[in-house]
Amino acid sequence: MKTLSIVPAIFMILFAMANGFSASSESVLGRSSFVAQRSQPIERASTYQKSSLEMMGGKVAKFGIFSPAVYGAKAILGTNDLNKLRGKAISLHSQAIGDFCAWAGAGHLRTRIIKKAKTNGDILGFLV
């Protein structure tokens, strides 16, 4: 007799979980009671400052957290030596990404990962 009273209780709990723990009319209509519906899209504020610094490829480089270090290296090494060092670092990083993709069997993702690394380097301020 106890098992017969437990079965409806379990059924009610499972039904409540499937409806988002809510007995409101919104859950009956298929809407979640956990998510607040927004009538207008959210505008995202840009967290990065735009600067007049040029990045390779003619784009404007972003000022990031490592930009002061890049400026210091540019003052100490000079533009030509900094570009040589930067090219060597990019080459080694691209090679490491290629080796990882080969090891993981994801050779088809190599180009996308390298592009993502360039985007992240821009955001962090390595390309000023």
Foldseek 3Di string as FASTA:
>chain_A
DVVVVVVVVVVVVVVCVQLQVDPDVCSVVVHHPVDDDDPDDDDDDDPWDFDQDAFPPRHGFTAAPCQVVLVVCCVVVNDVVSVVVVVVVLVVVLVVLCVVCVVVVNNVCSVVVSVVVVVVCRHRNVGD
